Amino acid sequence: MVKGYLLIKLVPGLEADALPRIRAIPGILEVNLVFGQWDAIAIAETKSLFELSRIVISEVRGIQGVQDTATLVQGEL
């Protein structure tokens, strides 16, 4: 399994509409609001890196109110 941490910047005023849509995406396990440079952090778990990329590019970035994303992929030593 591939786990990714999605840092999400939201458009001010559209947070309440965007967050439930992000939470409803299959593969998204958790979404939390945060304060600082980013507005939310979502945790995604998929079968492959390709599937994680698809979720970020085709699903999360396509939601009205999502301004920017950065994805951190969990690694192991």
Protein backbone atom coordinates (compact mmCIF):
# COMPACT_ATOMS: atom_id res chain seq x y z
CA MET A 1 0.00 0.00 0.00
CA VAL A 2 1.07 3.59 -0.67
CA LYS A 3 0.23 6.27 1.86
CA GLY A 4 0.29 9.94 0.94
CA TYR A 5 -0.12 13.13 2.92
CA LEU A 6 -1.80 15.82 0.83
CA LEU A 7 -1.15 19.40 1.87
CA ILE A 8 -4.04 21.48 0.57
CA LYS A 9 -4.44 25.23 0.16
CA LEU A 10 -8.09 26.31 -0.09
CA VAL A 11 -9.71 29.38 -1.60
CA PRO A 12 -10.96 31.61 1.23
CA GLY A 13 -14.73 31.32 1.56
CA LEU A 14 -14.96 27.96 -0.24
CA GLU A 15 -13.61 25.75 2.57
CA ALA A 16 -17.04 24.55 3.74
CA ASP A 17 -17.89 23.31 0.21
CA ALA A 18 -14.50 21.79 -0.63
CA LEU A 19 -13.80 19.79 2.54
CA PRO A 20 -16.80 17.42 2.36
CA ARG A 21 -16.04 16.74 -1.30
CA ILE A 22 -12.41 15.86 -0.46
CA ARG A 23 -13.57 13.59 2.39
CA ALA A 24 -15.92 11.75 0.00
CA ILE A 25 -13.14 10.69 -2.40
CA PRO A 26 -12.46 6.93 -2.23
CA GLY A 27 -8.95 6.41 -0.88
CA ILE A 28 -9.00 9.50 1.34
CA LEU A 29 -8.86 8.27 4.92
CA GLU A 30 -8.85 11.52 6.83
CA VAL A 31 -8.98 15.28 6.28
CA ASN A 32 -7.96 17.79 8.95
CA LEU A 33 -7.98 21.58 8.97
CA VAL A 34 -4.67 23.12 10.00
CA PHE A 35 -3.34 26.63 10.52
CA GLY A 36 -0.28 27.95 8.73
CA GLN A 37 0.90 27.86 5.14
CA TRP A 38 -1.57 25.06 4.30
CA ASP A 39 -5.27 24.94 5.16
CA ALA A 40 -5.86 21.19 5.32
CA ILE A 41 -4.00 17.90 5.39
CA ALA A 42 -5.57 14.79 3.89
CA ILE A 43 -4.29 11.26 4.34
CA ALA A 44 -4.74 8.95 1.36
CA GLU A 45 -3.99 5.25 1.04
CA THR A 46 -3.92 3.49 -2.32
CA LYS A 47 -2.66 0.29 -3.90
CA SER A 48 -0.10 2.06 -6.08
CA LEU A 49 1.70 5.34 -6.64
CA PHE A 50 -0.20 5.64 -9.92
CA GLU A 51 -3.53 5.48 -8.05
CA LEU A 52 -2.34 8.09 -5.53
CA SER A 53 -1.35 10.37 -8.42
CA ARG A 54 -4.76 9.89 -10.02
CA ILE A 55 -6.56 10.85 -6.81
CA VAL A 56 -4.50 14.01 -6.40
CA ILE A 57 -4.57 15.15 -10.02
CA SER A 58 -8.00 14.03 -11.20
CA GLU A 59 -10.01 14.26 -8.01
CA VAL A 60 -8.63 16.62 -5.35
CA ARG A 61 -7.26 19.28 -7.71
CA GLY A 62 -10.54 19.24 -9.65
CA ILE A 63 -12.61 20.35 -6.67
CA GLN A 64 -13.75 23.96 -6.73
CA GLY A 65 -12.10 25.68 -3.80
CA VAL A 66 -8.81 23.76 -3.95
CA GLN A 67 -6.15 26.30 -4.88
CA ASP A 68 -2.91 24.30 -4.52
CA THR A 69 -1.63 20.93 -3.31
CA ALA A 70 1.63 19.28 -2.36
CA THR A 71 1.88 15.53 -1.81
CA LEU A 72 4.25 13.80 0.58
CA VAL A 73 4.62 10.06 -0.02
CA GLN A 74 5.35 7.95 3.03
CA GLY A 75 8.69 6.16 2.87
CA GLU A 76 10.28 3.39 4.88
CA LEU A 77 13.87 2.68 5.81
